[in-house]
Amino acid sequence: MAAPTPKTKTDLAAAALREIRILRAGESPTSIQRTQCDDVYAAIRAELQISGLGFWDEDAIPVTVFLPLSMVVAQQLAQSYGKAYTAGDAMVRLRAAAAKPWSGQTVKSKYYAQQFFDELGCT
């Protein structure tokens, strides 16, 4: 099964603005609305990256984080549009979804004392 196609910043802006009922289904954000959403998204993504999250390319948003991310962006934008909107636990869900996916790969490691024993000639 092929991986779902990542979402773009334009998709994110449209979803966030629909969430707070600024756009209707099928409408696209204006350039001003898009800039506002991009600024909020950049700040949220930077916050995630400081925490070691937000591993994706800026304009290739994984579908696993898209919904909670759009809700968090909507919450940040709502007040500037005079809307009352609470995203609930969206930030918690976003942080969980934004964690780097588990690869399932075996991690090679060396027992911390092994080097000490090697230096002493113990095997």
N, C-alpha and C. Protein backbone atom coordinates (compact mmCIF):
# COMPACT_ATOMS: atom_id res chain seq x y z
N MET A 1 0.84 -1.17 0.00
CA MET A 1 0.00 0.00 0.00
C MET A 1 0.89 1.24 0.00
N ALA A 2 0.62 2.16 -0.88
CA ALA A 2 1.41 3.38 -0.98
C ALA A 2 1.10 4.32 0.17
N ALA A 3 2.11 5.07 0.56
CA ALA A 3 1.93 6.04 1.64
C ALA A 3 1.02 7.16 1.15
N PRO A 4 0.16 7.69 2.04
CA PRO A 4 -0.71 8.79 1.64
C PRO A 4 0.10 10.02 1.22
N THR A 5 -0.42 10.77 0.29
CA THR A 5 0.25 11.97 -0.19
C THR A 5 0.25 13.03 0.90
N PRO A 6 1.43 13.59 1.20
CA PRO A 6 1.48 14.65 2.22
C PRO A 6 0.64 15.86 1.81
N LYS A 7 0.23 16.62 2.79
CA LYS A 7 -0.57 17.83 2.57
C LYS A 7 0.36 19.04 2.44
N THR A 8 -0.11 20.07 1.79
CA THR A 8 0.67 21.29 1.60
C THR A 8 0.26 22.37 2.60
N LYS A 9 1.03 23.45 2.61
CA LYS A 9 0.67 24.59 3.47
C LYS A 9 -0.64 25.22 3.02
N THR A 10 -0.93 25.18 1.73
CA THR A 10 -2.21 25.68 1.24
C THR A 10 -3.36 24.82 1.76
N ASP A 11 -3.16 23.50 1.75
CA ASP A 11 -4.17 22.59 2.33
C ASP A 11 -4.39 22.91 3.80
N LEU A 12 -3.29 23.16 4.51
CA LEU A 12 -3.38 23.46 5.94
C LEU A 12 -4.15 24.75 6.18
N ALA A 13 -3.83 25.79 5.42
CA ALA A 13 -4.53 27.06 5.58
C ALA A 13 -6.02 26.90 5.32
N ALA A 14 -6.37 26.19 4.25
CA ALA A 14 -7.78 25.98 3.93
C ALA A 14 -8.49 25.20 5.04
N ALA A 15 -7.85 24.15 5.54
CA ALA A 15 -8.47 23.34 6.60
C ALA A 15 -8.66 24.13 7.88
N ALA A 16 -7.65 24.91 8.27
CA ALA A 16 -7.74 25.70 9.49
C ALA A 16 -8.83 26.77 9.37
N LEU A 17 -8.91 27.41 8.23
CA LEU A 17 -9.92 28.45 8.03
C LEU A 17 -11.33 27.86 7.90
N ARG A 18 -11.45 26.66 7.38
CA ARG A 18 -12.76 25.98 7.38
C ARG A 18 -13.15 25.60 8.80
N GLU A 19 -12.17 25.21 9.60
CA GLU A 19 -12.42 24.79 10.98
C GLU A 19 -13.08 25.92 11.78
N ILE A 20 -12.67 27.16 11.52
CA ILE A 20 -13.26 28.29 12.25
C ILE A 20 -14.31 29.01 11.39
N ARG A 21 -14.75 28.35 10.33
CA ARG A 21 -15.85 28.80 9.49
C ARG A 21 -15.61 30.14 8.79
N ILE A 22 -14.37 30.35 8.37
CA ILE A 22 -14.04 31.51 7.55
C ILE A 22 -14.20 31.14 6.07
N LEU A 23 -13.83 29.92 5.73
CA LEU A 23 -13.99 29.41 4.37
C LEU A 23 -15.06 28.33 4.35
N ARG A 24 -15.73 28.21 3.21
CA ARG A 24 -16.65 27.10 2.99
C ARG A 24 -15.91 26.01 2.23
N ALA A 25 -16.48 24.83 2.21
CA ALA A 25 -15.89 23.72 1.46
C ALA A 25 -15.68 24.14 0.01
N GLY A 26 -14.51 23.86 -0.51
CA GLY A 26 -14.20 24.17 -1.90
C GLY A 26 -13.58 25.55 -2.11
N GLU A 27 -13.67 26.43 -1.11
CA GLU A 27 -13.06 27.75 -1.24
C GLU A 27 -11.58 27.68 -0.91
N SER A 28 -10.82 28.60 -1.49
CA SER A 28 -9.38 28.67 -1.24
C SER A 28 -9.07 29.93 -0.44
N PRO A 29 -8.02 29.87 0.39
CA PRO A 29 -7.65 31.05 1.15
C PRO A 29 -7.07 32.14 0.25
N THR A 30 -7.30 33.40 0.64
CA THR A 30 -6.69 34.52 -0.07
C THR A 30 -5.20 34.54 0.27
N SER A 31 -4.45 35.36 -0.43
CA SER A 31 -3.02 35.43 -0.14
C SER A 31 -2.77 35.97 1.27
N ILE A 32 -3.59 36.90 1.74
CA ILE A 32 -3.43 37.42 3.10
C ILE A 32 -3.74 36.33 4.13
N GLN A 33 -4.82 35.59 3.91
CA GLN A 33 -5.16 34.50 4.82
C GLN A 33 -4.07 33.44 4.82
N ARG A 34 -3.56 33.15 3.66
CA ARG A 34 -2.50 32.15 3.53
C ARG A 34 -1.26 32.59 4.30
N THR A 35 -0.90 33.87 4.19
CA THR A 35 0.27 34.39 4.91
C THR A 35 0.06 34.29 6.42
N GLN A 36 -1.14 34.64 6.89
CA GLN A 36 -1.43 34.52 8.33
C GLN A 36 -1.27 33.07 8.79
N CYS A 37 -1.83 32.15 8.04
CA CYS A 37 -1.73 30.72 8.39
C CYS A 37 -0.28 30.24 8.34
N ASP A 38 0.45 30.67 7.32
CA ASP A 38 1.86 30.27 7.20
C ASP A 38 2.67 30.74 8.41
N ASP A 39 2.39 31.97 8.86
CA ASP A 39 3.12 32.50 10.02
C ASP A 39 2.82 31.69 11.28
N VAL A 40 1.55 31.36 11.50
CA VAL A 40 1.16 30.57 12.67
C VAL A 40 1.78 29.17 12.57
N TYR A 41 1.68 28.56 11.40
CA TYR A 41 2.25 27.23 11.18
C TYR A 41 3.76 27.23 11.43
N ALA A 42 4.46 28.24 10.95
CA ALA A 42 5.92 28.31 11.14
C ALA A 42 6.26 28.35 12.64
N ALA A 43 5.49 29.12 13.39
CA ALA A 43 5.73 29.21 14.84
C ALA A 43 5.46 27.89 15.55
N ILE A 44 4.38 27.22 15.19
CA ILE A 44 4.04 25.93 15.80
C ILE A 44 5.08 24.88 15.43
N ARG A 45 5.48 24.85 14.16
CA ARG A 45 6.48 23.88 13.71
C ARG A 45 7.82 24.11 14.40
N ALA A 46 8.20 25.39 14.57
CA ALA A 46 9.45 25.71 15.27
C ALA A 46 9.39 25.23 16.72
N GLU A 47 8.25 25.41 17.35
CA GLU A 47 8.09 24.93 18.73
C GLU A 47 8.22 23.41 18.80
N LEU A 48 7.64 22.72 17.84
CA LEU A 48 7.75 21.26 17.80
C LEU A 48 9.20 20.84 17.57
N GLN A 49 9.89 21.53 16.67
CA GLN A 49 11.27 21.16 16.36
C GLN A 49 12.20 21.38 17.55
N ILE A 50 11.94 22.40 18.36
CA ILE A 50 12.74 22.61 19.56
C ILE A 50 12.63 21.40 20.49
N SER A 51 11.46 20.77 20.47
CA SER A 51 11.22 19.59 21.30
C SER A 51 11.65 18.30 20.61
N GLY A 52 12.29 18.41 19.45
CA GLY A 52 12.72 17.22 18.71
C GLY A 52 11.62 16.60 17.88
N LEU A 53 10.55 17.35 17.65
CA LEU A 53 9.42 16.88 16.85
C LEU A 53 9.38 17.69 15.56
N GLY A 54 8.35 17.53 14.77
CA GLY A 54 8.25 18.30 13.53
C GLY A 54 9.30 17.90 12.52
N PHE A 55 9.40 16.63 12.27
CA PHE A 55 10.46 16.05 11.45
C PHE A 55 10.25 16.20 9.94
N TRP A 56 9.09 16.68 9.53
CA TRP A 56 8.73 16.70 8.11
C TRP A 56 9.21 17.97 7.42
N ASP A 57 9.24 17.91 6.08
CA ASP A 57 9.55 19.09 5.27
C ASP A 57 8.42 20.10 5.44
N GLU A 58 8.76 21.37 5.37
CA GLU A 58 7.80 22.44 5.65
C GLU A 58 6.52 22.34 4.83
N ASP A 59 6.63 22.02 3.55
CA ASP A 59 5.45 21.99 2.68
C ASP A 59 5.05 20.56 2.31
N ALA A 60 5.38 19.61 3.16
CA ALA A 60 4.98 18.21 2.97
C ALA A 60 4.52 17.67 4.32
N ILE A 61 3.35 18.09 4.72
CA ILE A 61 2.81 17.77 6.05
C ILE A 61 2.22 16.37 6.03
N PRO A 62 2.73 15.46 6.87
CA PRO A 62 2.20 14.10 6.89
C PRO A 62 0.71 14.09 7.28
N VAL A 63 -0.03 13.19 6.67
CA VAL A 63 -1.46 13.11 6.98
C VAL A 63 -1.71 12.77 8.44
N THR A 64 -0.75 12.10 9.09
CA THR A 64 -0.93 11.72 10.49
C THR A 64 -0.95 12.92 11.43
N VAL A 65 -0.33 14.02 11.04
CA VAL A 65 -0.32 15.22 11.89
C VAL A 65 -1.27 16.30 11.36
N PHE A 66 -1.79 16.12 10.16
CA PHE A 66 -2.54 17.19 9.50
C PHE A 66 -3.77 17.65 10.29
N LEU A 67 -4.61 16.74 10.74
CA LEU A 67 -5.84 17.15 11.43
C LEU A 67 -5.55 17.87 12.74
N PRO A 68 -4.76 17.29 13.66
CA PRO A 68 -4.50 18.05 14.88
C PRO A 68 -3.74 19.35 14.62
N LEU A 69 -2.85 19.37 13.63
CA LEU A 69 -2.14 20.59 13.30
C LEU A 69 -3.10 21.67 12.79
N SER A 70 -4.04 21.28 11.93
CA SER A 70 -5.00 22.26 11.42
C SER A 70 -5.87 22.81 12.55
N MET A 71 -6.18 21.99 13.54
CA MET A 71 -6.98 22.45 14.68
C MET A 71 -6.19 23.43 15.55
N VAL A 72 -4.91 23.16 15.75
CA VAL A 72 -4.07 24.06 16.55
C VAL A 72 -3.88 25.38 15.81
N VAL A 73 -3.66 25.34 14.51
CA VAL A 73 -3.54 26.56 13.71
C VAL A 73 -4.85 27.34 13.78
N ALA A 74 -5.98 26.64 13.65
CA ALA A 74 -7.29 27.30 13.72
C ALA A 74 -7.48 28.00 15.06
N GLN A 75 -7.08 27.34 16.13
CA GLN A 75 -7.22 27.95 17.45
C GLN A 75 -6.40 29.24 17.56
N GLN A 76 -5.21 29.23 16.99
CA GLN A 76 -4.36 30.42 17.04
C GLN A 76 -4.91 31.55 16.16
N LEU A 77 -5.60 31.20 15.08
CA LEU A 77 -6.14 32.20 14.17
C LEU A 77 -7.51 32.73 14.60
N ALA A 78 -8.24 31.97 15.36
CA ALA A 78 -9.65 32.27 15.66
C ALA A 78 -9.85 33.68 16.22
N GLN A 79 -9.06 34.07 17.16
CA GLN A 79 -9.25 35.37 17.80
C GLN A 79 -9.08 36.52 16.80
N SER A 80 -8.12 36.38 15.88
CA SER A 80 -7.92 37.47 14.91
C SER A 80 -9.09 37.59 13.95
N TYR A 81 -9.91 36.56 13.84
CA TYR A 81 -11.12 36.61 13.01
C TYR A 81 -12.38 36.81 13.85
N GLY A 82 -12.20 37.08 15.14
CA GLY A 82 -13.35 37.32 16.01
C GLY A 82 -14.18 36.07 16.27
N LYS A 83 -13.54 34.91 16.23
CA LYS A 83 -14.23 33.64 16.42
C LYS A 83 -13.84 33.03 17.76
N ALA A 84 -14.79 32.37 18.38
CA ALA A 84 -14.50 31.60 19.60
C ALA A 84 -14.28 30.16 19.16
N TYR A 85 -13.10 29.64 19.40
CA TYR A 85 -12.78 28.27 18.99
C TYR A 85 -11.75 27.71 19.95
N THR A 86 -12.03 26.51 20.43
CA THR A 86 -11.09 25.80 21.28
C THR A 86 -10.78 24.47 20.64
N ALA A 87 -9.52 24.17 20.50
CA ALA A 87 -9.09 22.93 19.83
C ALA A 87 -9.06 21.74 20.77
N GLY A 88 -9.43 21.92 22.02
CA GLY A 88 -9.44 20.81 22.97
C GLY A 88 -8.05 20.23 23.17
N ASP A 89 -7.92 18.94 22.98
CA ASP A 89 -6.63 18.27 23.20
C ASP A 89 -5.80 18.17 21.92
N ALA A 90 -6.06 19.05 20.95
CA ALA A 90 -5.37 18.96 19.66
C ALA A 90 -3.85 19.07 19.79
N MET A 91 -3.37 19.91 20.70
CA MET A 91 -1.91 20.06 20.85
C MET A 91 -1.30 18.78 21.40
N VAL A 92 -1.98 18.11 22.31
CA VAL A 92 -1.50 16.83 22.84
C VAL A 92 -1.47 15.81 21.71
N ARG A 93 -2.55 15.77 20.92
CA ARG A 93 -2.61 14.84 19.80
C ARG A 93 -1.55 15.16 18.76
N LEU A 94 -1.30 16.46 18.53
CA LEU A 94 -0.28 16.87 17.57
C LEU A 94 1.10 16.43 18.03
N ARG A 95 1.42 16.65 19.30
CA ARG A 95 2.73 16.25 19.81
C ARG A 95 2.93 14.74 19.69
N ALA A 96 1.88 13.97 19.95
CA ALA A 96 1.99 12.51 19.83
C ALA A 96 2.19 12.10 18.37
N ALA A 97 1.45 12.72 17.47
CA ALA A 97 1.55 12.38 16.05
C ALA A 97 2.85 12.89 15.43
N ALA A 98 3.40 13.97 15.99
CA ALA A 98 4.60 14.59 15.41
C ALA A 98 5.89 13.91 15.84
N ALA A 99 5.82 12.99 16.77
CA ALA A 99 7.01 12.26 17.18
C ALA A 99 7.53 11.45 15.99
N LYS A 100 8.83 11.32 15.90
CA LYS A 100 9.39 10.57 14.79
C LYS A 100 8.84 9.15 14.83
N PRO A 101 8.43 8.65 13.67
CA PRO A 101 7.86 7.30 13.65
C PRO A 101 8.91 6.25 14.01
N TRP A 102 8.46 5.23 14.71
CA TRP A 102 9.33 4.13 15.08
C TRP A 102 9.70 3.37 13.82
N SER A 103 10.99 3.13 13.63
CA SER A 103 11.44 2.50 12.39
C SER A 103 11.39 0.98 12.45
N GLY A 104 11.43 0.42 13.66
CA GLY A 104 11.47 -1.03 13.79
C GLY A 104 12.86 -1.60 13.58
N GLN A 105 13.84 -0.74 13.32
CA GLN A 105 15.21 -1.17 13.08
C GLN A 105 15.90 -1.50 14.40
N THR A 106 16.78 -2.49 14.37
CA THR A 106 17.58 -2.83 15.52
C THR A 106 18.67 -1.78 15.68
N VAL A 107 18.85 -1.33 16.88
CA VAL A 107 19.88 -0.33 17.16
C VAL A 107 21.11 -1.06 17.69
N LYS A 108 22.24 -0.87 17.02
CA LYS A 108 23.48 -1.49 17.46
C LYS A 108 24.07 -0.65 18.58
N SER A 109 24.52 -1.32 19.61
CA SER A 109 25.14 -0.59 20.71
C SER A 109 26.29 -1.43 21.27
N LYS A 110 27.09 -0.79 22.04
CA LYS A 110 28.22 -1.46 22.65
C LYS A 110 28.08 -1.30 24.15
N TYR A 111 28.18 -2.38 24.87
CA TYR A 111 28.08 -2.32 26.32
C TYR A 111 29.12 -1.34 26.83
N TYR A 112 28.72 -0.43 27.71
CA TYR A 112 29.60 0.66 28.12
C TYR A 112 30.93 0.18 28.70
N ALA A 113 30.94 -0.96 29.34
CA ALA A 113 32.18 -1.45 29.97
C ALA A 113 33.05 -2.23 28.99
N GLN A 114 32.51 -2.55 27.81
CA GLN A 114 33.26 -3.37 26.85
C GLN A 114 34.57 -2.70 26.46
N GLN A 115 34.56 -1.41 26.21
CA GLN A 115 35.78 -0.71 25.83
C GLN A 115 36.81 -0.78 26.96
N PHE A 116 36.36 -0.63 28.20
CA PHE A 116 37.25 -0.73 29.34
C PHE A 116 37.90 -2.11 29.41
N PHE A 117 37.09 -3.15 29.23
CA PHE A 117 37.62 -4.51 29.26
C PHE A 117 38.58 -4.76 28.11
N ASP A 118 38.27 -4.22 26.94
CA ASP A 118 39.15 -4.37 25.78
C ASP A 118 40.51 -3.72 26.04
N GLU A 119 40.49 -2.54 26.69
CA GLU A 119 41.74 -1.82 26.98
C GLU A 119 42.60 -2.59 27.99
N LEU A 120 41.95 -3.32 28.89
CA LEU A 120 42.67 -4.11 29.89
C LEU A 120 43.15 -5.46 29.34
N GLY A 121 42.67 -5.79 28.15
CA GLY A 121 43.04 -7.05 27.54
C GLY A 121 42.17 -8.21 28.01
N CYS A 122 41.08 -7.91 28.67
CA CYS A 122 40.14 -8.94 29.13
C CYS A 122 39.17 -9.24 28.00
N THR A 123 38.97 -10.51 27.73
CA THR A 123 37.98 -10.87 26.70
C THR A 123 37.11 -11.99 27.18
